Amino acid sequence: MNGWIERLLERYGQTAVLHRSGGDTALRAFLQPLCRQEERVPSAMTALGALDERVWLYLGVTAVEPGDRLVWNGETYRVRSSRERHLGDVPLYWQAFLVRTKERTA
């Protein structure tokens, strides 16, 4: 990956922990909710109660895969989908869509 992206992440990114079967990894990434035109909290009712449908965006140089979990700011997010982004043939960063889980960390 290109060094300028790592420098941007180091300076402006958030620190998170990636949980996967191989172990935990600390990383730096940009994490933010995807904006919607609606101001209300999007949710759906399930048999277990309300489900928060807000989707979060992950941009980082650490590869994440569907099913991985990221912990940031006391909240846990599950990777819904991910893909590596390129400029020509050069891999630049990973983009993923996350959903918040009900797990909370201390």
PDB file of N, CA and C in Angstrom:
ATOM      1  N   MET A   1       0.842  -1.184   0.000  1.00  0.00           N
ATOM      2  CA  MET A   1       0.000   0.000   0.000  1.00  0.00           C
ATOM      3  C   MET A   1       0.884   1.242   0.000  1.00  0.00           C
ATOM      4  N   ASN A   2       0.306   2.337  -0.359  1.00  0.00           N
ATOM      5  CA  ASN A   2       1.064   3.585  -0.447  1.00  0.00           C
ATOM      6  C   ASN A   2       1.239   4.223   0.921  1.00  0.00           C
ATOM      7  N   GLY A   3       2.438   4.754   1.161  1.00  0.00           N
ATOM      8  CA  GLY A   3       2.768   5.337   2.446  1.00  0.00           C
ATOM      9  C   GLY A   3       1.949   6.555   2.809  1.00  0.00           C
ATOM     10  N   TRP A   4       1.493   7.325   1.826  1.00  0.00           N
ATOM     11  CA  TRP A   4       0.746   8.539   2.154  1.00  0.00           C
ATOM     12  C   TRP A   4      -0.597   8.214   2.793  1.00  0.00           C
ATOM     13  N   ILE A   5      -1.183   7.082   2.443  1.00  0.00           N
ATOM     14  CA  ILE A   5      -2.448   6.709   3.080  1.00  0.00           C
ATOM     15  C   ILE A   5      -2.206   6.322   4.534  1.00  0.00           C
ATOM     16  N   GLU A   6      -1.123   5.581   4.789  1.00  0.00           N
ATOM     17  CA  GLU A   6      -0.797   5.233   6.174  1.00  0.00           C
ATOM     18  C   GLU A   6      -0.546   6.486   7.011  1.00  0.00           C
ATOM     19  N   ARG A   7       0.110   7.488   6.421  1.00  0.00           N
ATOM     20  CA  ARG A   7       0.365   8.737   7.160  1.00  0.00           C
ATOM     21  C   ARG A   7      -0.946   9.472   7.459  1.00  0.00           C
ATOM     22  N   LEU A   8      -1.875   9.481   6.511  1.00  0.00           N
ATOM     23  CA  LEU A   8      -3.186  10.096   6.760  1.00  0.00           C
ATOM     24  C   LEU A   8      -3.925   9.376   7.885  1.00  0.00           C
ATOM     25  N   LEU A   9      -3.904   8.049   7.832  1.00  0.00           N
ATOM     26  CA  LEU A   9      -4.575   7.271   8.874  1.00  0.00           C
ATOM     27  C   LEU A   9      -3.931   7.491  10.234  1.00  0.00           C
ATOM     28  N   GLU A  10      -2.613   7.545  10.276  1.00  0.00           N
ATOM     29  CA  GLU A  10      -1.917   7.752  11.544  1.00  0.00           C
ATOM     30  C   GLU A  10      -2.275   9.104  12.149  1.00  0.00           C
ATOM     31  N   ARG A  11      -2.400  10.102  11.301  1.00  0.00           N
ATOM     32  CA  ARG A  11      -2.675  11.452  11.799  1.00  0.00           C
ATOM     33  C   ARG A  11      -4.155  11.703  12.086  1.00  0.00           C
ATOM     34  N   TYR A  12      -5.041  11.221  11.202  1.00  0.00           N
ATOM     35  CA  TYR A  12      -6.456  11.575  11.300  1.00  0.00           C
ATOM     36  C   TYR A  12      -7.391  10.396  11.579  1.00  0.00           C
ATOM     37  N   GLY A  13      -6.897   9.178  11.498  1.00  0.00           N
ATOM     38  CA  GLY A  13      -7.764   8.005  11.664  1.00  0.00           C
ATOM     39  C   GLY A  13      -8.083   7.709  13.114  1.00  0.00           C
ATOM     40  N   GLN A  14      -8.983   6.763  13.305  1.00  0.00           N
ATOM     41  CA  GLN A  14      -9.355   6.306  14.630  1.00  0.00           C
ATOM     42  C   GLN A  14      -8.640   4.983  14.916  1.00  0.00           C
ATOM     43  N   THR A  15      -8.355   4.748  16.193  1.00  0.00           N
ATOM     44  CA  THR A  15      -7.761   3.488  16.605  1.00  0.00           C
ATOM     45  C   THR A  15      -8.884   2.515  16.923  1.00  0.00           C
ATOM     46  N   ALA A  16      -8.803   1.325  16.337  1.00  0.00           N
ATOM     47  CA  ALA A  16      -9.807   0.280  16.559  1.00  0.00           C
ATOM     48  C   ALA A  16      -9.078  -1.045  16.741  1.00  0.00           C
ATOM     49  N   VAL A  17      -9.825  -2.052  17.167  1.00  0.00           N
ATOM     50  CA  VAL A  17      -9.277  -3.405  17.314  1.00  0.00           C
ATOM     51  C   VAL A  17     -10.089  -4.328  16.419  1.00  0.00           C
ATOM     52  N   LEU A  18      -9.377  -5.068  15.591  1.00  0.00           N
ATOM     53  CA  LEU A  18      -9.982  -6.049  14.696  1.00  0.00           C
ATOM     54  C   LEU A  18      -9.964  -7.402  15.387  1.00  0.00           C
ATOM     55  N   HIS A  19     -11.145  -8.001  15.555  1.00  0.00           N
ATOM     56  CA  HIS A  19     -11.268  -9.332  16.151  1.00  0.00           C
ATOM     57  C   HIS A  19     -11.587 -10.327  15.045  1.00  0.00           C
ATOM     58  N   ARG A  20     -10.740 -11.343  14.925  1.00  0.00           N
ATOM     59  CA  ARG A  20     -11.010 -12.447  13.996  1.00  0.00           C
ATOM     60  C   ARG A  20     -10.439 -13.710  14.595  1.00  0.00           C
ATOM     61  N   SER A  21     -10.707 -14.839  13.981  1.00  0.00           N
ATOM     62  CA  SER A  21     -10.327 -16.127  14.569  1.00  0.00           C
ATOM     63  C   SER A  21      -8.823 -16.247  14.791  1.00  0.00           C
ATOM     64  N   GLY A  22      -8.008 -15.582  13.994  1.00  0.00           N
ATOM     65  CA  GLY A  22      -6.561 -15.656  14.143  1.00  0.00           C
ATOM     66  C   GLY A  22      -6.004 -14.806  15.263  1.00  0.00           C
ATOM     67  N   GLY A  23      -6.844 -13.989  15.903  1.00  0.00           N
ATOM     68  CA  GLY A  23      -6.393 -13.127  16.988  1.00  0.00           C
ATOM     69  C   GLY A  23      -6.838 -11.701  16.785  1.00  0.00           C
ATOM     70  N   ASP A  24      -6.449 -10.839  17.704  1.00  0.00           N
ATOM     71  CA  ASP A  24      -6.825  -9.426  17.670  1.00  0.00           C
ATOM     72  C   ASP A  24      -5.692  -8.598  17.094  1.00  0.00           C
ATOM     73  N   THR A  25      -6.063  -7.555  16.346  1.00  0.00           N
ATOM     74  CA  THR A  25      -5.083  -6.662  15.732  1.00  0.00           C
ATOM     75  C   THR A  25      -5.521  -5.223  15.942  1.00  0.00           C
ATOM     76  N   ALA A  26      -4.654  -4.398  16.495  1.00  0.00           N
ATOM     77  CA  ALA A  26      -4.928  -2.959  16.581  1.00  0.00           C
ATOM     78  C   ALA A  26      -4.679  -2.351  15.210  1.00  0.00           C
ATOM     79  N   LEU A  27      -5.514  -1.384  14.831  1.00  0.00           N
ATOM     80  CA  LEU A  27      -5.363  -0.753  13.525  1.00  0.00           C
ATOM     81  C   LEU A  27      -5.816   0.691  13.573  1.00  0.00           C
ATOM     82  N   ARG A  28      -5.487   1.418  12.522  1.00  0.00           N
ATOM     83  CA  ARG A  28      -5.957   2.792  12.336  1.00  0.00           C
ATOM     84  C   ARG A  28      -6.803   2.800  11.083  1.00  0.00           C
ATOM     85  N   ALA A  29      -7.947   3.465  11.143  1.00  0.00           N
ATOM     86  CA  ALA A  29      -8.859   3.516   9.999  1.00  0.00           C
ATOM     87  C   ALA A  29      -9.772   4.723  10.148  1.00  0.00           C
ATOM     88  N   PHE A  30     -10.445   5.050   9.063  1.00  0.00           N
ATOM     89  CA  PHE A  30     -11.524   6.032   9.113  1.00  0.00           C
ATOM     90  C   PHE A  30     -12.813   5.244   9.290  1.00  0.00           C
ATOM     91  N   LEU A  31     -13.558   5.568  10.352  1.00  0.00           N
ATOM     92  CA  LEU A  31     -14.844   4.936  10.636  1.00  0.00           C
ATOM     93  C   LEU A  31     -15.880   6.035  10.791  1.00  0.00           C
ATOM     94  N   GLN A  32     -16.978   5.912  10.059  1.00  0.00           N
ATOM     95  CA  GLN A  32     -18.035   6.907  10.182  1.00  0.00           C
ATOM     96  C   GLN A  32     -19.343   6.331   9.679  1.00  0.00           C
ATOM     97  N   PRO A  33     -20.463   6.815  10.230  1.00  0.00           N
ATOM     98  CA  PRO A  33     -21.754   6.338   9.734  1.00  0.00           C
ATOM     99  C   PRO A  33     -21.995   6.886   8.333  1.00  0.00           C
ATOM    100  N   LEU A  34     -22.638   6.094   7.511  1.00  0.00           N
ATOM    101  CA  LEU A  34     -23.021   6.580   6.193  1.00  0.00           C
ATOM    102  C   LEU A  34     -24.208   7.499   6.369  1.00  0.00           C
ATOM    103  N   CYS A  35     -24.168   8.641   5.732  1.00  0.00           N
ATOM    104  CA  CYS A  35     -25.236   9.628   5.857  1.00  0.00           C
ATOM    105  C   CYS A  35     -26.427   9.219   5.005  1.00  0.00           C
ATOM    106  N   ARG A  36     -27.589   9.473   5.532  1.00  0.00           N
ATOM    107  CA  ARG A  36     -28.831   9.278   4.796  1.00  0.00           C
ATOM    108  C   ARG A  36     -29.560  10.599   4.783  1.00  0.00           C
ATOM    109  N   GLN A  37     -30.450  10.752   3.842  1.00  0.00           N
ATOM    110  CA  GLN A  37     -31.195  12.004   3.743  1.00  0.00           C
ATOM    111  C   GLN A  37     -32.198  12.146   4.881  1.00  0.00           C
ATOM    112  N   GLU A  38     -32.615  11.028   5.445  1.00  0.00           N
ATOM    113  CA  GLU A  38     -33.585  11.068   6.525  1.00  0.00           C
ATOM    114  C   GLU A  38     -32.894  11.369   7.850  1.00  0.00           C
ATOM    115  N   GLU A  39     -33.553  12.099   8.702  1.00  0.00           N
ATOM    116  CA  GLU A  39     -32.992  12.439  10.006  1.00  0.00           C
ATOM    117  C   GLU A  39     -33.363  11.433  11.083  1.00  0.00           C
ATOM    118  N   ARG A  40     -34.408  10.648  10.852  1.00  0.00           N
ATOM    119  CA  ARG A  40     -34.845   9.707  11.888  1.00  0.00           C
ATOM    120  C   ARG A  40     -33.860   8.546  11.977  1.00  0.00           C
ATOM    121  N   VAL A  41     -33.889   7.848  13.107  1.00  0.00           N
ATOM    122  CA  VAL A  41     -33.029   6.681  13.292  1.00  0.00           C
ATOM    123  C   VAL A  41     -33.634   5.526  12.507  1.00  0.00           C
ATOM    124  N   PRO A  42     -32.910   4.997  11.521  1.00  0.00           N
ATOM    125  CA  PRO A  42     -33.466   3.895  10.755  1.00  0.00           C
ATOM    126  C   PRO A  42     -33.446   2.610  11.576  1.00  0.00           C
ATOM    127  N   SER A  43     -34.580   1.943  11.647  1.00  0.00           N
ATOM    128  CA  SER A  43     -34.631   0.693  12.386  1.00  0.00           C
ATOM    129  C   SER A  43     -35.734  -0.180  11.824  1.00  0.00           C
ATOM    130  N   ALA A  44     -35.649  -1.436  12.144  1.00  0.00           N
ATOM    131  CA  ALA A  44     -36.667  -2.397  11.736  1.00  0.00           C
ATOM    132  C   ALA A  44     -37.044  -3.209  12.959  1.00  0.00           C
ATOM    133  N   MET A  45     -38.293  -3.588  13.065  1.00  0.00           N
ATOM    134  CA  MET A  45     -38.743  -4.406  14.186  1.00  0.00           C
ATOM    135  C   MET A  45     -38.542  -5.872  13.850  1.00  0.00           C
ATOM    136  N   THR A  46     -37.978  -6.593  14.793  1.00  0.00           N
ATOM    137  CA  THR A  46     -37.805  -8.035  14.658  1.00  0.00           C
ATOM    138  C   THR A  46     -38.483  -8.698  15.850  1.00  0.00           C
ATOM    139  N   ALA A  47     -38.482 -10.020  15.868  1.00  0.00           N
ATOM    140  CA  ALA A  47     -39.065 -10.743  16.999  1.00  0.00           C
ATOM    141  C   ALA A  47     -38.330 -10.438  18.295  1.00  0.00           C
ATOM    142  N   LEU A  48     -37.052 -10.023  18.184  1.00  0.00           N
ATOM    143  CA  LEU A  48     -36.257  -9.725  19.378  1.00  0.00           C
ATOM    144  C   LEU A  48     -36.255  -8.245  19.732  1.00  0.00           C
ATOM    145  N   GLY A  49     -36.950  -7.415  18.957  1.00  0.00           N
ATOM    146  CA  GLY A  49     -36.991  -5.986  19.235  1.00  0.00           C
ATOM    147  C   GLY A  49     -36.502  -5.188  18.041  1.00  0.00           C
ATOM    148  N   ALA A  50     -36.155  -3.928  18.281  1.00  0.00           N
ATOM    149  CA  ALA A  50     -35.729  -3.042  17.203  1.00  0.00           C
ATOM    150  C   ALA A  50     -34.293  -3.355  16.796  1.00  0.00           C
ATOM    151  N   LEU A  51     -34.040  -3.327  15.506  1.00  0.00           N
ATOM    152  CA  LEU A  51     -32.713  -3.586  14.963  1.00  0.00           C
ATOM    153  C   LEU A  51     -32.216  -2.301  14.299  1.00  0.00           C
ATOM    154  N   ASP A  52     -31.089  -1.802  14.748  1.00  0.00           N
ATOM    155  CA  ASP A  52     -30.499  -0.603  14.172  1.00  0.00           C
ATOM    156  C   ASP A  52     -29.919  -0.957  12.814  1.00  0.00           C
ATOM    157  N   GLU A  53     -30.400  -0.300  11.765  1.00  0.00           N
ATOM    158  CA  GLU A  53     -29.962  -0.610  10.411  1.00  0.00           C
ATOM    159  C   GLU A  53     -28.909   0.367   9.886  1.00  0.00           C
ATOM    160  N   ARG A  54     -28.413   1.229  10.734  1.00  0.00           N
ATOM    161  CA  ARG A  54     -27.404   2.167  10.253  1.00  0.00           C
ATOM    162  C   ARG A  54     -26.161   1.423   9.805  1.00  0.00           C
ATOM    163  N   VAL A  55     -25.621   1.869   8.715  1.00  0.00           N
ATOM    164  CA  VAL A  55     -24.423   1.258   8.145  1.00  0.00           C
ATOM    165  C   VAL A  55     -23.258   2.211   8.353  1.00  0.00           C
ATOM    166  N   TRP A  56     -22.120   1.657   8.723  1.00  0.00           N
ATOM    167  CA  TRP A  56     -20.902   2.427   8.939  1.00  0.00           C
ATOM    168  C   TRP A  56     -19.912   2.116   7.837  1.00  0.00           C
ATOM    169  N   LEU A  57     -19.077   3.088   7.526  1.00  0.00           N
ATOM    170  CA  LEU A  57     -18.053   2.945   6.497  1.00  0.00           C
ATOM    171  C   LEU A  57     -16.690   2.783   7.148  1.00  0.00           C
ATOM    172  N   TYR A  58     -15.928   1.819   6.660  1.00  0.00           N
ATOM    173  CA  TYR A  58     -14.544   1.583   7.087  1.00  0.00           C
ATOM    174  C   TYR A  58     -13.644   1.862   5.893  1.00  0.00           C
ATOM    175  N   LEU A  59     -12.623   2.675   6.093  1.00  0.00           N
ATOM    176  CA  LEU A  59     -11.567   2.883   5.108  1.00  0.00           C
ATOM    177  C   LEU A  59     -10.248   2.691   5.829  1.00  0.00           C
ATOM    178  N   GLY A  60      -9.447   1.730   5.379  1.00  0.00           N
ATOM    179  CA  GLY A  60      -8.179   1.459   6.032  1.00  0.00           C
ATOM    180  C   GLY A  60      -7.296   0.578   5.177  1.00  0.00           C
ATOM    181  N   VAL A  61      -6.054   0.436   5.596  1.00  0.00           N
ATOM    182  CA  VAL A  61      -5.116  -0.396   4.836  1.00  0.00           C
ATOM    183  C   VAL A  61      -5.084  -1.835   5.347  1.00  0.00           C
ATOM    184  N   THR A  62      -5.688  -2.086   6.508  1.00  0.00           N
ATOM    185  CA  THR A  62      -5.773  -3.442   7.025  1.00  0.00           C
ATOM    186  C   THR A  62      -6.964  -4.139   6.378  1.00  0.00           C
ATOM    187  N   ALA A  63      -6.713  -5.301   5.795  1.00  0.00           N
ATOM    188  CA  ALA A  63      -7.788  -6.060   5.153  1.00  0.00           C
ATOM    189  C   ALA A  63      -8.794  -6.533   6.188  1.00  0.00           C
ATOM    190  N   VAL A  64     -10.064  -6.347   5.906  1.00  0.00           N
ATOM    191  CA  VAL A  64     -11.140  -6.876   6.739  1.00  0.00           C
ATOM    192  C   VAL A  64     -12.043  -7.717   5.840  1.00  0.00           C
ATOM    193  N   GLU A  65     -12.630  -8.733   6.420  1.00  0.00           N
ATOM    194  CA  GLU A  65     -13.471  -9.676   5.666  1.00  0.00           C
ATOM    195  C   GLU A  65     -14.847  -9.766   6.309  1.00  0.00           C
ATOM    196  N   PRO A  66     -15.868 -10.111   5.522  1.00  0.00           N
ATOM    197  CA  PRO A  66     -17.203 -10.288   6.103  1.00  0.00           C
ATOM    198  C   PRO A  66     -17.159 -11.249   7.291  1.00  0.00           C
ATOM    199  N   GLY A  67     -17.829 -10.838   8.358  1.00  0.00           N
ATOM    200  CA  GLY A  67     -17.844 -11.624   9.586  1.00  0.00           C
ATOM    201  C   GLY A  67     -16.838 -11.154  10.619  1.00  0.00           C
ATOM    202  N   ASP A  68     -15.780 -10.444  10.196  1.00  0.00           N
ATOM    203  CA  ASP A  68     -14.844  -9.871  11.161  1.00  0.00           C
ATOM    204  C   ASP A  68     -15.586  -8.873  12.031  1.00  0.00           C
ATOM    205  N   ARG A  69     -15.048  -8.627  13.227  1.00  0.00           N
ATOM    206  CA  ARG A  69     -15.622  -7.634  14.124  1.00  0.00           C
ATOM    207  C   ARG A  69     -14.587  -6.562  14.427  1.00  0.00           C
ATOM    208  N   LEU A  70     -15.025  -5.321  14.432  1.00  0.00           N
ATOM    209  CA  LEU A  70     -14.184  -4.181  14.803  1.00  0.00           C
ATOM    210  C   LEU A  70     -14.756  -3.562  16.062  1.00  0.00           C
ATOM    211  N   VAL A  71     -13.883  -3.240  17.007  1.00  0.00           N
ATOM    212  CA  VAL A  71     -14.305  -2.545  18.218  1.00  0.00           C
ATOM    213  C   VAL A  71     -13.692  -1.159  18.182  1.00  0.00           C
ATOM    214  N   TRP A  72     -14.556  -0.159  18.297  1.00  0.00           N
ATOM    215  CA  TRP A  72     -14.115   1.232  18.315  1.00  0.00           C
ATOM    216  C   TRP A  72     -15.046   2.021  19.224  1.00  0.00           C
ATOM    217  N   ASN A  73     -14.449   2.822  20.072  1.00  0.00           N
ATOM    218  CA  ASN A  73     -15.198   3.739  20.922  1.00  0.00           C
ATOM    219  C   ASN A  73     -16.244   3.004  21.774  1.00  0.00           C
ATOM    220  N   GLY A  74     -15.895   1.806  22.247  1.00  0.00           N
ATOM    221  CA  GLY A  74     -16.794   1.049  23.101  1.00  0.00           C
ATOM    222  C   GLY A  74     -17.907   0.313  22.380  1.00  0.00           C
ATOM    223  N   GLU A  75     -17.952   0.381  21.073  1.00  0.00           N
ATOM    224  CA  GLU A  75     -18.988  -0.284  20.278  1.00  0.00           C
ATOM    225  C   GLU A  75     -18.354  -1.359  19.401  1.00  0.00           C
ATOM    226  N   THR A  76     -19.129  -2.394  19.097  1.00  0.00           N
ATOM    227  CA  THR A  76     -18.662  -3.468  18.233  1.00  0.00           C
ATOM    228  C   THR A  76     -19.417  -3.404  16.910  1.00  0.00           C
ATOM    229  N   TYR A  77     -18.686  -3.549  15.825  1.00  0.00           N
ATOM    230  CA  TYR A  77     -19.244  -3.494  14.474  1.00  0.00           C
ATOM    231  C   TYR A  77     -18.865  -4.770  13.737  1.00  0.00           C
ATOM    232  N   ARG A  78     -19.809  -5.337  12.996  1.00  0.00           N
ATOM    233  CA  ARG A  78     -19.556  -6.537  12.197  1.00  0.00           C
ATOM    234  C   ARG A  78     -19.385  -6.114  10.735  1.00  0.00           C
ATOM    235  N   VAL A  79     -18.369  -6.677  10.085  1.00  0.00           N
ATOM    236  CA  VAL A  79     -18.121  -6.372   8.680  1.00  0.00           C
ATOM    237  C   VAL A  79     -19.177  -7.088   7.843  1.00  0.00           C
ATOM    238  N   ARG A  80     -19.962  -6.313   7.117  1.00  0.00           N
ATOM    239  CA  ARG A  80     -20.992  -6.869   6.247  1.00  0.00           C
ATOM    240  C   ARG A  80     -20.413  -7.220   4.880  1.00  0.00           C
ATOM    241  N   SER A  81     -19.600  -6.333   4.317  1.00  0.00           N
ATOM    242  CA  SER A  81     -18.960  -6.576   3.021  1.00  0.00           C
ATOM    243  C   SER A  81     -17.687  -5.748   2.956  1.00  0.00           C
ATOM    244  N   SER A  82     -16.745  -6.179   2.114  1.00  0.00           N
ATOM    245  CA  SER A  82     -15.490  -5.438   1.986  1.00  0.00           C
ATOM    246  C   SER A  82     -14.893  -5.678   0.613  1.00  0.00           C
ATOM    247  N   ARG A  83     -14.038  -4.737   0.213  1.00  0.00           N
ATOM    248  CA  ARG A  83     -13.311  -4.900  -1.042  1.00  0.00           C
ATOM    249  C   ARG A  83     -12.079  -4.014  -1.025  1.00  0.00           C
ATOM    250  N   GLU A  84     -11.068  -4.494  -1.697  1.00  0.00           N
ATOM    251  CA  GLU A  84      -9.837  -3.736  -1.836  1.00  0.00           C
ATOM    252  C   GLU A  84     -10.005  -2.749  -2.989  1.00  0.00           C
ATOM    253  N   ARG A  85      -9.577  -1.512  -2.778  1.00  0.00           N
ATOM    254  CA  ARG A  85      -9.676  -0.474  -3.805  1.00  0.00           C
ATOM    255  C   ARG A  85      -8.299  -0.229  -4.400  1.00  0.00           C
ATOM    256  N   HIS A  86      -8.256  -0.016  -5.713  1.00  0.00           N
ATOM    257  CA  HIS A  86      -7.004   0.147  -6.447  1.00  0.00           C
ATOM    258  C   HIS A  86      -6.987   1.457  -7.230  1.00  0.00           C
ATOM    259  N   LEU A  87      -5.794   1.915  -7.516  1.00  0.00           N
ATOM    260  CA  LEU A  87      -5.563   2.985  -8.487  1.00  0.00           C
ATOM    261  C   LEU A  87      -4.716   2.338  -9.570  1.00  0.00           C
ATOM    262  N   GLY A  88      -5.341   2.036 -10.699  1.00  0.00           N
ATOM    263  CA  GLY A  88      -4.661   1.235 -11.709  1.00  0.00           C
ATOM    264  C   GLY A  88      -4.436  -0.153 -11.145  1.00  0.00           C
ATOM    265  N   ASP A  89      -3.196  -0.594 -11.149  1.00  0.00           N
ATOM    266  CA  ASP A  89      -2.847  -1.908 -10.593  1.00  0.00           C
ATOM    267  C   ASP A  89      -2.359  -1.832  -9.152  1.00  0.00           C
ATOM    268  N   VAL A  90      -2.338  -0.643  -8.573  1.00  0.00           N
ATOM    269  CA  VAL A  90      -1.779  -0.461  -7.226  1.00  0.00           C
ATOM    270  C   VAL A  90      -2.898  -0.525  -6.187  1.00  0.00           C
ATOM    271  N   PRO A  91      -2.840  -1.486  -5.246  1.00  0.00           N
ATOM    272  CA  PRO A  91      -3.839  -1.506  -4.170  1.00  0.00           C
ATOM    273  C   PRO A  91      -3.615  -0.319  -3.241  1.00  0.00           C
ATOM    274  N   LEU A  92      -4.699   0.416  -2.942  1.00  0.00           N
ATOM    275  CA  LEU A  92      -4.577   1.610  -2.096  1.00  0.00           C
ATOM    276  C   LEU A  92      -5.120   1.406  -0.686  1.00  0.00           C
ATOM    277  N   TYR A  93      -6.347   0.881  -0.576  1.00  0.00           N
ATOM    278  CA  TYR A  93      -6.974   0.755   0.731  1.00  0.00           C
ATOM    279  C   TYR A  93      -8.122  -0.244   0.642  1.00  0.00           C
ATOM    280  N   TRP A  94      -8.680  -0.583   1.815  1.00  0.00           N
ATOM    281  CA  TRP A  94      -9.847  -1.436   1.908  1.00  0.00           C
ATOM    282  C   TRP A  94     -11.054  -0.589   2.269  1.00  0.00           C
ATOM    283  N   GLN A  95     -12.164  -0.876   1.641  1.00  0.00           N
ATOM    284  CA  GLN A  95     -13.439  -0.237   1.952  1.00  0.00           C
ATOM    285  C   GLN A  95     -14.371  -1.333   2.446  1.00  0.00           C
ATOM    286  N   ALA A  96     -15.042  -1.073   3.553  1.00  0.00           N
ATOM    287  CA  ALA A  96     -15.974  -2.061   4.084  1.00  0.00           C
ATOM    288  C   ALA A  96     -17.206  -1.352   4.617  1.00  0.00           C
ATOM    289  N   PHE A  97     -18.292  -2.095   4.639  1.00  0.00           N
ATOM    290  CA  PHE A  97     -19.538  -1.620   5.229  1.00  0.00           C
ATOM    291  C   PHE A  97     -19.782  -2.435   6.482  1.00  0.00           C
ATOM    292  N   LEU A  98     -20.058  -1.733   7.563  1.00  0.00           N
ATOM    293  CA  LEU A  98     -20.185  -2.338   8.891  1.00  0.00           C
ATOM    294  C   LEU A  98     -21.579  -2.107   9.437  1.00  0.00           C
ATOM    295  N   VAL A  99     -22.013  -3.008  10.294  1.00  0.00           N
ATOM    296  CA  VAL A  99     -23.246  -2.813  11.051  1.00  0.00           C
ATOM    297  C   VAL A  99     -22.918  -2.957  12.528  1.00  0.00           C
ATOM    298  N   ARG A 100     -23.516  -2.097  13.323  1.00  0.00           N
ATOM    299  CA  ARG A 100     -23.268  -2.128  14.754  1.00  0.00           C
ATOM    300  C   ARG A 100     -23.971  -3.308  15.378  1.00  0.00           C
ATOM    301  N   THR A 101     -23.311  -3.990  16.289  1.00  0.00           N
ATOM    302  CA  THR A 101     -23.920  -5.110  17.003  1.00  0.00           C
ATOM    303  C   THR A 101     -24.359  -4.623  18.374  1.00  0.00           C
ATOM    304  N   LYS A 102     -25.023  -5.478  19.115  1.00  0.00           N
ATOM    305  CA  LYS A 102     -25.469  -5.105  20.456  1.00  0.00           C
ATOM    306  C   LYS A 102     -24.387  -5.264  21.495  1.00  0.00           C
ATOM    307  N   GLU A 103     -23.234  -5.853  21.114  1.00  0.00           N
ATOM    308  CA  GLU A 103     -22.131  -6.032  22.055  1.00  0.00           C
ATOM    309  C   GLU A 103     -21.581  -4.685  22.452  1.00  0.00           C
ATOM    310  N   ARG A 104     -21.256  -4.533  23.730  1.00  0.00           N
ATOM    311  CA  ARG A 104     -20.582  -3.327  24.221  1.00  0.00           C
ATOM    312  C   ARG A 104     -19.306  -3.767  24.904  1.00  0.00           C
ATOM    313  N   THR A 105     -18.287  -2.940  24.798  1.00  0.00           N
ATOM    314  CA  THR A 105     -17.038  -3.221  25.489  1.00  0.00           C
ATOM    315  C   THR A 105     -16.820  -2.190  26.562  1.00  0.00           C
ATOM    316  N   ALA A 106     -16.032  -2.524  27.532  1.00  0.00           N
ATOM    317  CA  ALA A 106     -15.765  -1.601  28.651  1.00  0.00           C
ATOM    318  C   ALA A 106     -14.823  -0.505  28.251  1.00  0.00           C
TER     319      ALA A 106
END
